[in-house]
C-alpha atoms as a PDB file:
ATOM      1  CA  MET A   1     129.417 180.053  99.718  1.00  0.00           C
ATOM      2  CA  PRO A   2     129.562 176.612  98.165  1.00  0.00           C
ATOM      3  CA  LEU A   3     132.973 175.532  97.024  1.00  0.00           C
ATOM      4  CA  TRP A   4     132.057 173.859  93.741  1.00  0.00           C
ATOM      5  CA  GLY A   5     128.708 175.310  92.793  1.00  0.00           C
ATOM      6  CA  LYS A   6     127.314 178.594  91.553  1.00  0.00           C
ATOM      7  CA  LYS A   7     128.358 181.676  93.420  1.00  0.00           C
ATOM      8  CA  ALA A   8     125.326 182.920  95.298  1.00  0.00           C
ATOM      9  CA  MET A   9     127.106 185.736  96.954  1.00  0.00           C
ATOM     10  CA  ALA A  10     129.305 188.483  95.744  1.00  0.00           C
ATOM     11  CA  ARG A  11     132.938 187.656  95.592  1.00  0.00           C
ATOM     12  CA  GLN A  12     134.899 188.378  98.689  1.00  0.00           C
ATOM     13  CA  THR A  13     138.260 189.983  98.393  1.00  0.00           C
ATOM     14  CA  SER A  14     141.227 188.640 100.219  1.00  0.00           C
ATOM     15  CA  LYS A  15     141.119 191.636 102.593  1.00  0.00           C
ATOM     16  CA  ALA A  16     137.498 190.902 103.393  1.00  0.00           C
ATOM     17  CA  ARG A  17     138.398 187.297 104.154  1.00  0.00           C
ATOM     18  CA  LYS A  18     141.126 188.372 106.538  1.00  0.00           C
ATOM     19  CA  ASP A  19     138.828 190.750 108.332  1.00  0.00           C
ATOM     20  CA  ALA A  20     135.980 188.278 108.589  1.00  0.00           C
ATOM     21  CA  ASP A  21     135.528 186.617 111.917  1.00  0.00           C
ATOM     22  CA  PRO A  22     135.383 182.820 111.816  1.00  0.00           C
ATOM     23  CA  ALA A  23     132.670 182.940 114.391  1.00  0.00           C
ATOM     24  CA  ASP A  24     130.455 184.809 111.916  1.00  0.00           C
ATOM     25  CA  ALA A  25     130.138 181.696 109.793  1.00  0.00           C
ATOM     26  CA  ASN A  26     126.625 180.331 109.738  1.00  0.00           C
ATOM     27  CA  PRO A  27     126.638 177.282 111.997  1.00  0.00           C
ATOM     28  CA  VAL A  28     123.255 176.114 110.659  1.00  0.00           C
ATOM     29  CA  ASP A  29     124.666 175.438 107.181  1.00  0.00           C
ATOM     30  CA  ALA A  30     127.533 173.294 108.457  1.00  0.00           C
ATOM     31  CA  PRO A  31     126.807 169.801 109.718  1.00  0.00           C
ATOM     32  CA  ALA A  32     127.538 169.250 113.386  1.00  0.00           C
ATOM     33  CA  ASP A  33     129.961 166.325 112.946  1.00  0.00           C
ATOM     34  CA  LYS A  34     132.174 167.983 110.290  1.00  0.00           C
ATOM     35  CA  PRO A  35     134.523 170.775 111.220  1.00  0.00           C
ATOM     36  CA  VAL A  36     133.983 174.047 109.486  1.00  0.00           C
ATOM     37  CA  PRO A  37     136.802 174.887 107.065  1.00  0.00           C
ATOM     38  CA  ASP A  38     138.890 177.858 107.870  1.00  0.00           C
ATOM     39  CA  PRO A  39     138.059 180.574 105.340  1.00  0.00           C
ATOM     40  CA  ARG A  40     141.598 181.955 105.550  1.00  0.00           C
ATOM     41  CA  GLN A  41     143.045 178.786 104.048  1.00  0.00           C
ATOM     42  CA  PRO A  42     142.636 178.049 100.336  1.00  0.00           C
ATOM     43  CA  PRO A  43     139.952 175.476  99.613  1.00  0.00           C
ATOM     44  CA  GLN A  44     141.236 171.892  99.347  1.00  0.00           C
ATOM     45  CA  ARG A  45     140.369 169.424  96.640  1.00  0.00           C
ATOM     46  CA  PRO A  46     137.363 167.337  97.608  1.00  0.00           C
ATOM     47  CA  GLY A  47     137.931 163.637  98.320  1.00  0.00           C
ATOM     48  CA  THR A  48     137.415 161.049  95.598  1.00  0.00           C
ATOM     49  CA  SER A  49     134.044 159.392  95.742  1.00  0.00           C
ATOM     50  CA  GLY A  50     133.496 155.649  95.449  1.00  0.00           C
ATOM     51  CA  THR A  51     131.587 156.089  92.188  1.00  0.00           C
ATOM     52  CA  GLU A  52     134.456 157.941  90.602  1.00  0.00           C
ATOM     53  CA  MET A  53     136.893 155.289  91.781  1.00  0.00           C
ATOM     54  CA  ALA A  54     134.649 152.556  90.354  1.00  0.00           C
ATOM     55  CA  LEU A  55     134.492 154.364  87.005  1.00  0.00           C
ATOM     56  CA  VAL A  56     138.271 154.787  86.904  1.00  0.00           C
ATOM     57  CA  THR A  57     138.766 151.135  87.820  1.00  0.00           C
ATOM     58  CA  ASN A  58     136.281 149.998  85.157  1.00  0.00           C
ATOM     59  CA  ARG A  59     138.027 152.123  82.530  1.00  0.00           C
ATOM     60  CA  GLN A  60     141.438 150.739  83.476  1.00  0.00           C
ATOM     61  CA  GLN A  61     140.143 147.159  83.421  1.00  0.00           C
ATOM     62  CA  ALA A  62     138.458 147.739  80.063  1.00  0.00           C
ATOM     63  CA  SER A  63     141.695 149.184  78.709  1.00  0.00           C
ATOM     64  CA  GLN A  64     143.612 146.149  79.956  1.00  0.00           C
ATOM     65  CA  ARG A  65     141.026 143.762  78.481  1.00  0.00           C
ATOM     66  CA  LEU A  66     141.210 145.620  75.149  1.00  0.00           C
ATOM     67  CA  ALA A  67     144.999 145.337  75.119  1.00  0.00           C
ATOM     68  CA  GLN A  68     144.762 141.616  75.948  1.00  0.00           C
ATOM     69  CA  ALA A  69     142.122 141.074  73.248  1.00  0.00           C
ATOM     70  CA  GLN A  70     144.247 142.887  70.671  1.00  0.00           C
ATOM     71  CA  GLN A  71     147.263 140.796  71.630  1.00  0.00           C
ATOM     72  CA  ALA A  72     145.190 137.599  71.390  1.00  0.00           C
ATOM     73  CA  GLU A  73     143.902 138.706  67.978  1.00  0.00           C
ATOM     74  CA  ARG A  74     147.447 139.394  66.727  1.00  0.00           C
ATOM     75  CA  SER A  75     148.594 136.039  68.075  1.00  0.00           C
ATOM     76  CA  TYR A  76     145.668 134.203  66.426  1.00  0.00           C
ATOM     77  CA  ARG A  77     146.269 135.963  63.101  1.00  0.00           C
ATOM     78  CA  ALA A  78     149.977 135.135  63.259  1.00  0.00           C
ATOM     79  CA  ARG A  79     149.270 131.450  64.001  1.00  0.00           C
ATOM     80  CA  LYS A  80     146.785 131.181  61.126  1.00  0.00           C
ATOM     81  CA  ARG A  81     149.048 132.913  58.636  1.00  0.00           C
ATOM     82  CA  ALA A  82     152.056 130.888  59.780  1.00  0.00           C
ATOM     83  CA  ALA A  83     150.095 127.652  59.246  1.00  0.00           C
ATOM     84  CA  ALA A  84     149.059 128.783  55.758  1.00  0.00           C
ATOM     85  CA  GLY A  85     152.647 129.825  55.020  1.00  0.00           C
ATOM     86  CA  ARG A  86     153.991 126.430  56.082  1.00  0.00           C
ATOM     87  CA  ALA A  87     151.424 124.674  53.872  1.00  0.00           C
ATOM     88  CA  HIS A  88     152.322 126.889  50.906  1.00  0.00           C
ATOM     89  CA  TRP A  89     156.037 126.324  51.495  1.00  0.00           C
ATOM     90  CA  ALA A  90     155.548 122.534  51.530  1.00  0.00           C
ATOM     91  CA  GLU A  91     153.490 122.706  48.333  1.00  0.00           C
ATOM     92  CA  ALA A  92     156.084 124.957  46.680  1.00  0.00           C
ATOM     93  CA  LYS A  93     158.871 122.527  47.598  1.00  0.00           C
ATOM     94  CA  GLN A  94     156.834 119.677  46.097  1.00  0.00           C
ATOM     95  CA  HIS A  95     156.274 121.645  42.875  1.00  0.00           C
ATOM     96  CA  LEU A  96     159.935 122.615  42.696  1.00  0.00           C
ATOM     97  CA  ALA A  97     161.007 118.988  43.124  1.00  0.00           C
ATOM     98  CA  GLU A  98     158.565 117.899  40.429  1.00  0.00           C
ATOM     99  CA  GLY A  99     159.691 120.771  38.205  1.00  0.00           C
ATOM    100  CA  THR A 100     163.314 119.746  38.699  1.00  0.00           C
ATOM    101  CA  ARG A 101     162.511 116.185  37.666  1.00  0.00           C
ATOM    102  CA  HIS A 102     160.624 117.437  34.619  1.00  0.00           C
ATOM    103  CA  LEU A 103     163.460 119.798  33.704  1.00  0.00           C
ATOM    104  CA  ARG A 104     165.997 116.972  33.876  1.00  0.00           C
ATOM    105  CA  ALA A 105     163.774 114.753  31.721  1.00  0.00           C
ATOM    106  CA  ALA A 106     163.281 117.627  29.263  1.00  0.00           C
ATOM    107  CA  CYS A 107     167.045 118.172  29.046  1.00  0.00           C
ATOM    108  CA  ARG A 108     167.699 114.475  28.419  1.00  0.00           C
ATOM    109  CA  LEU A 109     164.982 114.222  25.784  1.00  0.00           C
ATOM    110  CA  GLY A 110     166.049 117.514  24.204  1.00  0.00           C
ATOM    111  CA  ALA A 111     169.641 116.287  23.915  1.00  0.00           C
ATOM    112  CA  SER A 112     168.378 113.074  22.329  1.00  0.00           C
ATOM    113  CA  ALA A 113     166.252 115.085  19.915  1.00  0.00           C
ATOM    114  CA  VAL A 114     169.211 117.293  18.984  1.00  0.00           C
ATOM    115  CA  ALA A 115     171.311 114.198  18.342  1.00  0.00           C
ATOM    116  CA  SER A 116     168.538 112.840  16.090  1.00  0.00           C
ATOM    117  CA  VAL A 117     168.024 116.030  14.067  1.00  0.00           C
ATOM    118  CA  ARG A 118     169.973 114.752  11.055  1.00  0.00           C
ATOM    119  CA  TYR A 119     167.865 111.572  10.964  1.00  0.00           C
ATOM    120  CA  MET A 120     164.648 113.558  11.211  1.00  0.00           C
ATOM    121  CA  ALA A 121     165.851 115.850   8.415  1.00  0.00           C
ATOM    122  CA  SER A 122     166.791 112.922   6.164  1.00  0.00           C
ATOM    123  CA  GLU A 123     163.411 111.292   6.825  1.00  0.00           C
ATOM    124  CA  LYS A 124     161.639 114.515   5.902  1.00  0.00           C
ATOM    125  CA  LEU A 125     163.768 114.804   2.767  1.00  0.00           C
ATOM    126  CA  ASP A 126     162.925 111.197   1.777  1.00  0.00           C
ATOM    127  CA  ARG A 127     159.229 111.875   2.345  1.00  0.00           C
ATOM    128  CA  ARG A 128     159.469 114.966   0.145  1.00  0.00           C
ATOM    129  CA  ARG A 129     161.291 113.015  -2.593  1.00  0.00           C
ATOM    130  CA  ARG A 130     158.607 110.310  -2.584  1.00  0.00           C
ATOM    131  CA  HIS A 131     155.893 112.953  -2.782  1.00  0.00           C
ATOM    132  CA  VAL A 132     157.597 114.719  -5.693  1.00  0.00           C
ATOM    133  CA  ALA A 133     158.057 111.367  -7.469  1.00  0.00           C
ATOM    134  CA  ASP A 134     154.355 110.519  -6.970  1.00  0.00           C
ATOM    135  CA  VAL A 135     153.277 113.900  -8.314  1.00  0.00           C
ATOM    136  CA  LYS A 136     155.609 113.511 -11.304  1.00  0.00           C
ATOM    137  CA  ARG A 137     154.340 109.990 -11.989  1.00  0.00           C
ATOM    138  CA  LYS A 138     150.711 111.182 -11.859  1.00  0.00           C
ATOM    139  CA  ARG A 139     151.510 114.106 -14.141  1.00  0.00           C
ATOM    140  CA  VAL A 140     153.193 111.785 -16.669  1.00  0.00           C
ATOM    141  CA  ALA A 141     150.248 109.349 -16.496  1.00  0.00           C
ATOM    142  CA  GLU A 142     147.773 112.193 -17.072  1.00  0.00           C
ATOM    143  CA  LYS A 143     149.833 113.461 -19.990  1.00  0.00           C
ATOM    144  CA  ARG A 144     149.977 109.960 -21.486  1.00  0.00           C
ATOM    145  CA  ARG A 145     146.211 109.529 -21.069  1.00  0.00           C
ATOM    146  CA  ARG A 146     145.494 112.824 -22.837  1.00  0.00           C
ATOM    147  CA  LEU A 147     147.936 111.925 -25.625  1.00  0.00           C
ATOM    148  CA  GLU A 148     146.295 108.520 -26.136  1.00  0.00           C
ATOM    149  CA  GLU A 149     142.843 110.104 -26.181  1.00  0.00           C
ATOM    150  CA  ARG A 150     143.994 112.605 -28.775  1.00  0.00           C
ATOM    151  CA  LEU A 151     145.570 109.868 -30.883  1.00  0.00           C
ATOM    152  CA  ALA A 152     142.409 107.782 -30.565  1.00  0.00           C
ATOM    153  CA  ARG A 153     140.297 110.725 -31.750  1.00  0.00           C
ATOM    154  CA  GLU A 154     142.634 111.328 -34.686  1.00  0.00           C
ATOM    155  CA  ALA A 155     142.545 107.640 -35.607  1.00  0.00           C
ATOM    156  CA  ALA A 156     138.754 107.617 -35.373  1.00  0.00           C
ATOM    157  CA  ALA A 157     138.625 110.687 -37.544  1.00  0.00           C
ATOM    158  CA  ARG A 158     140.752 108.895 -40.189  1.00  0.00           C
ATOM    159  CA  GLY A 159     138.586 105.841 -39.921  1.00  0.00           C
ATOM    160  CA  SER A 160     141.341 103.597 -38.796  1.00  0.00           C
ATOM    161  CA  PHE A 161     141.045 101.611 -35.606  1.00  0.00           C
ATOM    162  CA  GLU A 162     144.718 100.891 -35.332  1.00  0.00           C
ATOM    163  CA  THR A 163     146.565 101.925 -32.270  1.00  0.00           C
ATOM    164  CA  VAL A 164     149.838 103.724 -32.383  1.00  0.00           C
ATOM    165  CA  PRO A 165     152.793 101.622 -31.316  1.00  0.00           C
ATOM    166  CA  ARG A 166     153.868 102.299 -27.753  1.00  0.00           C
ATOM    167  CA  ALA A 167     157.512 102.787 -28.590  1.00  0.00           C
ATOM    168  CA  ALA A 168     156.554 105.702 -30.809  1.00  0.00           C
ATOM    169  CA  GLU A 169     154.997 107.520 -27.849  1.00  0.00           C
ATOM    170  CA  GLY A 170     158.093 107.129 -25.715  1.00  0.00           C
ATOM    171  CA  ALA A 171     156.146 105.586 -22.844  1.00  0.00           C
ATOM    172  CA  ASP A 172     158.027 102.572 -21.603  1.00  0.00           C
ATOM    173  CA  GLU A 173     156.638 102.722 -18.089  1.00  0.00           C
ATOM    174  CA  GLY A 174     153.026 101.846 -17.456  1.00  0.00           C
ATOM    175  CA  ALA A 175     152.414 100.514 -20.964  1.00  0.00           C
ATOM    176  CA  ASP A 176     150.507  97.546 -19.582  1.00  0.00           C
ATOM    177  CA  GLU A 177     148.105  99.814 -17.662  1.00  0.00           C
ATOM    178  CA  VAL A 178     147.426 101.875 -20.769  1.00  0.00           C
ATOM    179  CA  ALA A 179     146.817  98.736 -22.841  1.00  0.00           C
ATOM    180  CA  LYS A 180     144.366  97.464 -20.242  1.00  0.00           C
ATOM    181  CA  ALA A 181     142.614 100.821 -20.259  1.00  0.00           C
ATOM    182  CA  ASP A 182     142.256 100.653 -24.096  1.00  0.00           C
ATOM    183  CA  ALA A 183     140.750  97.170 -24.044  1.00  0.00           C
END
């Protein structure tokens, strides 16, 4: 009966094994140089073959190589990311220093601008006054022109070519320009 194969024979009971004579074992099946196992003893585990040992060794070596490769990969990734982090930190420090300089300059200029607010306001007020005066002067000149045209039409309608005295109109300013325009 083979130890690790299919059972070709019927199963023997333990009583049958005890009663069996070791001399009844078939000597033709057993090789001459190996001793025949005692059927009364439980079968022992077969010895490990060289192929199995080679496979186990290969698996262990592959496992070790995988662990080493993973460690090398983690180390490489850490070095790369650390280098990028150092570069980013240096750039951030540079930007912060530049930002600090710009903030100081902005504070100085802002304080100067705040101190000059009253001058800027007075300048804006003066500009507005000049603009209002220009608009008023143009409005008065337009009014005077329309009045002179109306008076000229009335004088032409009467047949008289006399001009109305300037003092009667109440236009002291710009009288010379109006006289030049009439001529």
